[in-house]
Protein backbone atom coordinates (compact mmCIF):
# COMPACT_ATOMS: atom_id res chain seq x y z
CA MET A 1 12.30 -29.47 21.17
CA GLY A 2 14.41 -28.25 18.21
CA TYR A 3 14.50 -29.12 14.52
CA ALA A 4 17.29 -31.69 14.86
CA ALA A 5 15.24 -33.64 17.39
CA LEU A 6 12.16 -33.31 15.17
CA LEU A 7 13.96 -34.78 12.17
CA ARG A 8 15.30 -37.66 14.29
CA ALA A 9 11.81 -38.59 15.46
CA PRO A 10 10.39 -41.76 13.85
CA HIS A 11 8.79 -41.32 10.42
CA VAL A 12 9.32 -37.54 10.26
CA ALA A 13 12.11 -37.51 7.67
CA ARG A 14 10.26 -39.99 5.46
CA LEU A 15 7.01 -38.04 5.56
CA LEU A 16 8.72 -34.73 4.82
CA LEU A 17 10.73 -36.21 1.95
CA GLY A 18 7.68 -37.88 0.44
CA THR A 19 5.52 -34.78 0.63
CA LEU A 20 8.27 -32.57 -0.77
CA LEU A 21 8.71 -34.88 -3.75
CA GLY A 22 5.00 -35.27 -4.32
CA ARG A 23 4.23 -31.57 -3.95
CA LEU A 24 6.97 -30.46 -6.33
CA PRO A 25 4.72 -30.92 -9.41
CA ALA A 26 2.35 -28.31 -7.97
CA GLY A 27 5.20 -25.79 -8.16
CA MET A 28 6.13 -26.93 -11.68
CA THR A 29 2.82 -27.25 -13.47
CA ALA A 30 1.81 -23.70 -14.40
CA LEU A 31 5.20 -22.98 -15.97
CA VAL A 32 5.65 -26.36 -17.63
CA ILE A 33 2.18 -26.23 -19.22
CA ALA A 34 3.03 -22.87 -20.75
CA LEU A 35 6.41 -24.06 -22.06
CA ALA A 36 5.15 -27.39 -23.42
CA LEU A 37 2.14 -25.91 -25.20
CA ARG A 38 4.15 -23.02 -26.59
CA GLU A 39 6.79 -25.41 -27.94
CA ALA A 40 3.96 -27.33 -29.66
CA GLY A 41 2.82 -24.11 -31.34
CA ALA A 42 -0.30 -23.58 -29.25
CA PRO A 43 -1.67 -20.02 -29.15
CA TYR A 44 -1.55 -18.10 -25.88
CA SER A 45 -5.32 -18.35 -25.57
CA ARG A 46 -5.05 -22.14 -25.36
CA ILE A 47 -2.19 -21.88 -22.89
CA GLY A 48 -4.37 -19.66 -20.70
CA LEU A 49 -7.26 -22.12 -21.00
CA ALA A 50 -5.10 -25.09 -19.99
CA THR A 51 -3.51 -23.24 -17.09
CA ALA A 52 -6.91 -22.06 -15.87
CA ALA A 53 -8.31 -25.59 -16.23
CA TYR A 54 -5.52 -26.90 -14.01
CA ALA A 55 -5.98 -24.22 -11.35
CA ILE A 56 -9.79 -24.47 -11.20
CA ALA A 57 -9.72 -28.27 -11.14
CA ALA A 58 -7.15 -28.27 -8.33
CA ALA A 59 -9.28 -25.84 -6.31
CA VAL A 60 -12.30 -28.13 -6.69
CA GLY A 61 -10.52 -31.45 -6.34
CA GLY A 62 -8.58 -30.69 -3.16
CA PRO A 63 -11.53 -30.50 -0.75
CA VAL A 64 -13.25 -33.46 -2.43
CA LEU A 65 -10.18 -35.66 -2.05
CA GLY A 66 -9.73 -34.37 1.51
CA ARG A 67 -13.25 -35.47 2.41
CA ILE A 68 -12.65 -38.91 0.89
CA VAL A 69 -9.47 -39.23 2.97
CA ASP A 70 -11.41 -38.37 6.14
CA LEU A 71 -13.95 -41.06 5.28
CA THR A 72 -11.71 -43.85 3.97
CA GLY A 73 -8.10 -43.22 5.06
CA GLN A 74 -4.97 -41.99 3.30
CA PRO A 75 -3.12 -44.70 1.29
CA ARG A 76 -5.74 -45.62 -1.30
CA VAL A 77 -6.68 -42.01 -1.98
CA LEU A 78 -3.07 -40.90 -2.32
CA LEU A 79 -2.11 -43.71 -4.68
CA ALA A 80 -5.25 -43.55 -6.83
CA SER A 81 -5.12 -39.76 -7.17
CA ALA A 82 -1.40 -39.83 -8.02
CA ALA A 83 -2.01 -42.40 -10.74
CA LEU A 84 -4.87 -40.36 -12.21
CA ALA A 85 -2.90 -37.11 -12.02
CA GLY A 86 -0.03 -38.90 -13.78
CA THR A 87 -2.47 -39.82 -16.54
CA GLY A 88 -3.30 -36.14 -16.93
CA TYR A 89 0.39 -35.21 -17.20
CA ALA A 90 0.89 -38.04 -19.71
CA LEU A 91 -1.97 -36.72 -21.84
CA LEU A 92 -0.36 -33.28 -21.80
CA ALA A 93 3.02 -34.73 -22.73
CA LEU A 94 1.68 -36.88 -25.55
CA ALA A 95 -0.53 -34.24 -27.16
CA PRO A 96 0.50 -30.74 -26.04
CA GLY A 97 -0.66 -29.25 -29.32
CA SER A 98 -4.17 -30.69 -29.15
CA ALA A 99 -6.98 -28.21 -28.54
CA LEU A 100 -8.88 -30.91 -26.60
CA ALA A 101 -6.24 -33.14 -25.01
CA ALA A 102 -4.10 -30.38 -23.49
CA PRO A 103 -6.85 -28.64 -21.45
CA LEU A 104 -8.32 -32.05 -20.53
CA GLY A 105 -4.96 -33.35 -19.35
CA ALA A 106 -4.37 -30.20 -17.34
CA ALA A 107 -7.81 -30.50 -15.72
CA VAL A 108 -7.24 -34.15 -14.78
CA ALA A 109 -3.80 -33.35 -13.35
CA GLY A 110 -5.28 -30.60 -11.21
CA LEU A 111 -8.44 -32.40 -10.15
CA CYS A 112 -6.51 -35.49 -9.02
CA MET A 113 -3.45 -33.82 -7.53
CA PRO A 114 -2.59 -36.04 -4.52
CA PRO A 115 -3.68 -34.31 -1.27
CA LEU A 116 -0.24 -34.66 0.31
CA GLU A 117 -0.33 -31.28 2.07
CA PRO A 118 -3.55 -31.88 4.01
CA CYS A 119 -2.61 -35.51 4.67
CA LEU A 120 0.72 -34.55 6.21
CA ARG A 121 -0.89 -31.89 8.40
CA SER A 122 -3.48 -34.39 9.56
CA LEU A 123 -0.67 -36.79 10.51
CA TRP A 124 1.46 -34.42 12.59
CA PRO A 125 -0.53 -34.81 15.84
CA ASP A 126 -0.05 -38.60 15.62
CA VAL A 127 3.63 -38.44 14.67
CA VAL A 128 5.06 -35.87 17.09
CA ALA A 129 4.41 -34.98 20.71
CA GLU A 130 2.03 -32.11 21.46
CA GLU A 131 4.87 -29.82 22.48
CA GLN A 132 6.49 -30.41 19.05
CA LEU A 133 3.44 -29.50 16.98
CA ASP A 134 4.33 -25.84 16.49
CA THR A 135 7.84 -26.85 15.43
CA ALA A 136 6.52 -29.48 13.02
CA TYR A 137 4.01 -27.14 11.38
CA ALA A 138 6.67 -24.41 11.15
CA PHE A 139 9.11 -26.79 9.44
CA ASP A 140 6.29 -27.86 7.12
CA SER A 141 5.62 -24.22 6.25
CA ALA A 142 9.33 -23.53 5.74
CA SER A 143 9.65 -26.45 3.33
CA GLN A 144 6.80 -24.98 1.30
CA GLN A 145 8.93 -21.90 0.65
CA VAL A 146 11.57 -24.17 -0.90
CA LEU A 147 8.99 -25.49 -3.35
CA TYR A 148 8.20 -21.97 -4.58
CA VAL A 149 11.80 -21.74 -5.78
CA ALA A 150 12.58 -25.39 -6.58
CA GLY A 151 9.55 -25.99 -8.83
CA PRO A 152 10.29 -23.32 -11.46
CA LEU A 153 14.02 -24.08 -11.28
CA ALA A 154 13.35 -27.77 -11.90
CA VAL A 155 11.22 -26.91 -14.93
CA ALA A 156 13.86 -24.56 -16.31
CA GLY A 157 16.63 -27.12 -15.81
CA ILE A 158 14.76 -30.08 -17.30
CA ALA A 159 13.26 -28.08 -20.17
CA GLY A 160 16.67 -26.61 -20.99
CA ALA A 161 18.56 -29.90 -20.81
CA LEU A 162 15.86 -32.07 -22.41
CA SER A 163 12.46 -30.58 -23.25
CA PRO A 164 9.28 -29.22 -21.63
CA THR A 165 7.66 -32.59 -22.40
CA ALA A 166 10.33 -34.31 -20.30
CA ALA A 167 9.43 -31.96 -17.44
CA LEU A 168 5.80 -33.09 -17.72
CA TRP A 169 6.83 -36.75 -17.43
CA THR A 170 9.02 -35.80 -14.48
CA ALA A 171 6.07 -34.17 -12.73
CA ALA A 172 4.01 -37.33 -13.20
CA VAL A 173 6.77 -39.53 -11.77
CA LEU A 174 7.45 -37.23 -8.82
CA GLY A 175 3.79 -37.11 -7.86
CA LEU A 176 3.52 -40.90 -7.88
CA LEU A 177 6.83 -41.37 -6.07
CA GLY A 178 5.88 -38.92 -3.33
CA ALA A 179 2.49 -40.59 -2.87
CA LEU A 180 4.15 -44.02 -2.62
CA VAL A 181 6.60 -42.83 0.04
CA VAL A 182 3.86 -41.27 2.19
CA ALA A 183 1.17 -43.90 1.61
CA GLY A 184 3.56 -46.69 2.51
CA SER A 185 4.56 -45.15 5.84
CA ALA A 186 3.24 -46.63 9.06
CA PRO A 187 1.53 -43.40 10.25
CA ALA A 188 -0.38 -43.00 6.96
CA ARG A 189 -1.47 -46.65 6.98
CA ALA A 190 -2.61 -46.43 10.59
CA TRP A 191 -4.26 -43.01 10.43
CA GLN A 192 -8.01 -42.89 10.66
CA ALA A 193 -10.17 -39.84 11.18
CA PRO A 194 -12.38 -39.97 14.26
CA PRO A 195 -16.10 -40.45 13.59
CA ARG A 196 -17.45 -37.47 11.71
CA ALA A 197 -19.36 -34.98 13.86
CA ALA A 198 -23.09 -35.14 13.17
CA SER A 199 -23.14 -31.33 13.08
CA ALA A 200 -20.70 -31.30 10.11
CA GLY A 201 -23.43 -32.18 7.64
CA LEU A 202 -22.92 -31.65 3.93
CA LEU A 203 -20.73 -28.57 4.45
CA GLY A 204 -18.25 -30.51 6.54
CA PRO A 205 -15.57 -28.22 8.03
CA LEU A 206 -17.27 -25.18 6.54
CA ARG A 207 -19.95 -25.53 9.21
CA SER A 208 -17.41 -23.96 11.60
CA PRO A 209 -17.82 -20.14 11.43
CA GLY A 210 -14.38 -19.61 12.93
CA LEU A 211 -12.76 -21.81 10.29
CA VAL A 212 -14.55 -19.97 7.47
CA LEU A 213 -13.33 -16.62 8.83
CA LEU A 214 -9.79 -17.98 9.11
CA LEU A 215 -9.87 -19.25 5.53
CA LEU A 216 -11.13 -15.89 4.25
CA GLY A 217 -8.33 -14.12 6.11
CA LEU A 218 -5.78 -16.48 4.56
CA ALA A 219 -7.28 -15.85 1.13
CA GLY A 220 -6.15 -12.26 1.71
CA ALA A 221 -2.62 -13.54 2.25
CA GLY A 222 -2.87 -15.51 -1.00
CA TRP A 223 -4.11 -12.36 -2.76
CA ALA A 224 -1.06 -10.47 -1.50
CA VAL A 225 1.34 -13.12 -2.78
CA GLY A 226 -0.31 -13.21 -6.22
CA ALA A 227 -0.17 -9.42 -6.55
CA GLN A 228 3.41 -9.41 -5.28
CA ASN A 229 4.42 -11.73 -8.12
CA VAL A 230 3.01 -9.29 -10.68
CA LEU A 231 4.69 -6.38 -8.90
CA PHE A 232 8.12 -8.02 -8.98
CA ILE A 233 7.79 -9.02 -12.65
CA ALA A 234 6.68 -5.53 -13.71
CA TYR A 235 9.31 -3.85 -11.53
CA ALA A 236 12.09 -5.96 -13.09
CA GLU A 237 10.86 -5.07 -16.58
CA GLN A 238 11.00 -1.36 -15.72
CA HIS A 239 14.54 -1.71 -14.32
CA PRO A 240 16.35 -3.82 -16.94
CA GLY A 241 19.86 -4.66 -15.86
CA GLY A 242 19.36 -3.05 -12.49
CA LEU A 243 18.96 -6.32 -10.65
CA PRO A 244 20.82 -9.54 -11.52
CA GLY A 245 18.25 -12.25 -12.12
CA GLY A 246 15.39 -9.75 -12.39
CA ALA A 247 12.05 -10.83 -10.96
CA GLY A 248 13.43 -14.29 -10.14
CA THR A 249 15.86 -12.74 -7.65
CA LEU A 250 13.11 -10.74 -5.94
CA LEU A 251 10.86 -13.81 -5.68
CA ALA A 252 13.71 -15.97 -4.40
CA LEU A 253 14.58 -13.39 -1.72
CA ALA A 254 10.98 -13.33 -0.54
CA ALA A 255 10.87 -17.14 -0.42
CA LEU A 256 14.19 -17.29 1.47
CA ALA A 257 12.87 -14.80 4.01
CA GLY A 258 9.75 -16.92 4.45
CA LEU A 259 11.84 -20.01 5.10
CA LEU A 260 13.91 -18.18 7.73
CA GLY A 261 10.80 -16.64 9.29
CA ALA A 262 9.16 -20.04 9.67
CA LEU A 263 12.27 -21.56 11.23
CA VAL A 264 12.52 -18.73 13.76
CA TYR A 265 8.82 -19.02 14.55
CA GLY A 266 9.07 -22.76 15.12
CA ALA A 267 12.10 -22.43 17.37
CA ALA A 268 10.39 -19.89 19.67
CA ARG A 269 8.21 -20.75 22.64
CA TRP A 270 4.93 -18.87 22.56
CA ARG A 271 2.72 -17.94 25.47
CA ALA A 272 -0.10 -16.47 23.40
CA GLY A 273 -2.82 -18.80 22.13
CA THR A 274 -2.91 -19.96 18.54
CA ALA A 275 -5.78 -17.65 17.58
CA THR A 276 -3.97 -14.59 18.92
CA ARG A 277 -0.75 -15.56 17.20
CA THR A 278 -2.58 -15.97 13.90
CA TRP A 279 -4.14 -12.51 13.73
CA VAL A 280 -0.98 -10.87 15.07
CA LEU A 281 1.11 -12.61 12.42
CA ALA A 282 -1.39 -11.64 9.70
CA LEU A 283 -1.03 -7.98 10.66
CA GLY A 284 2.73 -8.52 10.88
CA MET A 285 2.74 -9.79 7.30
CA ALA A 286 0.82 -6.67 6.27
CA ALA A 287 3.47 -4.52 7.98
CA CYS A 288 6.18 -6.38 6.05
CA TYR A 289 4.39 -5.56 2.77
CA LEU A 290 3.89 -1.85 3.49
CA PRO A 291 7.47 -0.78 2.55
CA LEU A 292 6.87 -2.11 -0.98
CA LEU A 293 4.78 1.03 -1.56
CA LEU A 294 8.05 3.01 -1.62
CA LEU A 295 9.22 1.28 -4.84
CA PRO A 296 12.84 2.40 -4.42
CA GLY A 297 15.81 1.61 -6.66
CA PRO A 298 16.86 -1.98 -7.42
CA GLY A 299 19.21 -2.44 -4.45
CA PRO A 300 16.80 -1.26 -1.76
CA MET A 301 13.96 -3.02 -3.58
CA ALA A 302 15.80 -6.31 -3.15
CA ALA A 303 15.98 -5.65 0.58
CA LEU A 304 12.27 -4.83 0.69
CA ALA A 305 11.49 -8.02 -1.22
CA PHE A 306 13.26 -9.95 1.53
CA VAL A 307 11.35 -8.08 4.24
CA SER A 308 8.03 -8.70 2.47
CA GLY A 309 8.58 -12.44 2.63
CA LEU A 310 9.21 -12.66 6.37
CA GLY A 311 5.58 -12.90 7.48
CA LEU A 312 3.93 -15.47 5.20
CA ALA A 313 5.41 -18.75 6.41
CA PRO A 314 5.03 -17.99 10.16
CA LEU A 315 1.41 -17.00 9.51
CA LEU A 316 0.75 -20.29 7.73
CA ALA A 317 2.50 -22.26 10.49
CA ALA A 318 0.18 -20.75 13.10
CA ALA A 319 -2.84 -21.16 10.83
CA PHE A 320 -2.14 -24.87 10.36
CA VAL A 321 -2.52 -25.43 14.10
CA LEU A 322 -5.65 -23.27 14.24
CA VAL A 323 -7.27 -25.13 11.33
CA ALA A 324 -6.89 -28.40 13.24
CA GLU A 325 -8.40 -26.77 16.34
CA LEU A 326 -11.41 -25.27 14.54
CA ALA A 327 -12.32 -28.14 12.20
CA PRO A 328 -15.30 -30.22 13.35
CA THR A 329 -14.40 -33.74 14.44
CA GLY A 330 -13.67 -36.05 11.53
CA THR A 331 -13.15 -33.29 8.93
CA VAL A 332 -9.56 -32.17 9.52
CA THR A 333 -8.08 -33.35 6.20
CA GLU A 334 -10.84 -31.65 4.25
CA ALA A 335 -10.32 -28.51 6.33
CA PHE A 336 -6.64 -28.42 5.40
CA ALA A 337 -7.59 -28.96 1.76
CA TRP A 338 -9.94 -25.96 1.96
CA LEU A 339 -7.02 -23.90 3.27
CA VAL A 340 -5.00 -24.81 0.16
CA THR A 341 -7.99 -24.00 -2.07
CA LEU A 342 -8.80 -20.62 -0.48
CA PHE A 343 -5.17 -19.54 -0.47
CA ALA A 344 -4.79 -20.52 -4.13
CA THR A 345 -8.05 -18.78 -5.05
CA GLY A 346 -6.91 -15.59 -3.33
CA ASN A 347 -3.57 -15.92 -5.09
CA ALA A 348 -5.22 -16.18 -8.51
CA ALA A 349 -7.54 -13.25 -7.78
CA GLY A 350 -4.65 -11.06 -6.61
CA TYR A 351 -2.70 -12.00 -9.71
CA ALA A 352 -5.63 -11.16 -12.01
CA VAL A 353 -6.53 -7.83 -10.40
CA SER A 354 -2.95 -6.63 -10.15
CA GLY A 355 -2.40 -7.71 -13.76
CA ALA A 356 -5.25 -5.41 -14.76
CA LEU A 357 -3.71 -2.58 -12.72
CA VAL A 358 -0.12 -2.94 -13.87
CA ASP A 359 -0.54 -0.65 -16.87
CA THR A 360 -1.92 2.04 -14.55
CA SER A 361 1.03 2.23 -12.17
CA LEU A 362 3.32 0.06 -10.07
CA HIS A 363 2.10 1.90 -7.00
CA ALA A 364 -1.41 0.61 -7.71
CA VAL A 365 -0.06 -2.95 -7.86
CA ALA A 366 1.91 -2.48 -4.63
CA LEU A 367 -1.22 -1.11 -2.97
CA CYS A 368 -3.20 -4.09 -4.28
CA ALA A 369 -0.70 -6.50 -2.72
CA THR A 370 -0.60 -4.68 0.60
CA GLY A 371 -4.36 -4.24 0.69
CA GLY A 372 -5.03 -7.97 0.36
CA ILE A 373 -3.18 -9.04 3.48
CA THR A 374 -4.17 -5.89 5.39
CA LEU A 375 -7.86 -6.65 4.87
CA GLY A 376 -7.24 -10.29 5.75
CA GLY A 377 -5.44 -9.34 8.94
CA LEU A 378 -8.12 -6.85 9.95
CA LEU A 379 -10.80 -9.49 9.37
CA LEU A 380 -9.00 -11.88 11.70
CA LEU A 381 -8.46 -9.13 14.28
CA THR A 382 -12.09 -7.98 14.35
CA THR A 383 -13.44 -11.54 14.51
CA ARG A 384 -10.76 -12.89 16.85
CA THR A 385 -13.27 -14.14 19.43
CA ARG A 386 -14.72 -16.47 16.76
CA LEU A 387 -11.30 -18.00 16.12
CA ARG A 388 -11.12 -19.70 19.49
CA PRO A 389 -11.86 -23.44 19.34
CA PRO A 390 -15.00 -24.54 21.18
CA ALA A 391 -14.53 -25.85 24.69
CA PRO A 392 -14.71 -29.66 24.89
CA ALA A 393 -18.08 -30.96 25.95
CA LEU A 394 -18.26 -32.12 29.56
CA VAL A 395 -18.94 -35.80 30.02
CA PRO A 396 -21.59 -36.44 32.71
CA ALA A 397 -20.28 -38.28 35.74
């Protein structure tokens, strides 16, 4: 079934709209924190501290909120976390120049970021038919590519027209609005995780070896994306005037390619199992990154930026299905939250390492980006037998 039929299905448009609105602050926050604090005269060291506080808190808070959703349901967690995250944004907006309030507000905003991504992915099996799941997850992944572009553009537009502080208030409102739209939907109100598997224990979904291996492989994809950002920024600085829009154009081309790649993936009918598709697509993403090592002139580099973006969104679309298959019973929302956390952690690590390498050479940065997803893909390939979901237990007659 195609995308038009998917969007006409009950509740789908509402859930997608709500999650897009509510997830937009995640694409805005890093930039808007930097702009707001800088406008208030904060030193770069404090900007780095606040940005790091947001990122670390989000990495910790996501799985915790996901576990609470699995135990108690979606609406209350979404609404409470959105309200608390809004308080964090408000603290940032009211006192961006404070050495205490700014990092604290950033940490609260990150820690309480509404778990809309994992909640939506937990809902898909209840909202669409089984034969539509690949299409739904692919469309979900494609929409994520839009956020990579829309978030920074929204910050730039609001900050330019009004102020960075206004962008902070906007992020708070969008997060709450998105949570209200999703939490008020019939599927979110009715959703309940099945009883938690006794084997899950304290580690929850991380008790699944296959899931842990998958998450580590996807951390490699996050590493590649973080290093790619540094590569594009440094490349644009070394080629001033050679590319209209500079690094923003290269990043937008990669995001556009990801959107198209996800749509093509979701429209296809696949015979291979989800585990096979995942490691094949991971190696395919690595192949799309390899040409970046050439570092050609601005025109060809724009084409290579587009090519490099083709593999990410299809890989994530396949991984979403595999996460749901590998997560122990009753832990699926937390499992999806761990995916977000591991990808973001890999992204931050790739950004940091490539940032340290950028003064050495651009080739070192390109190799860093390519190496991240190549290692991730090879990990998934060599452990592919562990990525198959366990066979359902037979019920005695």
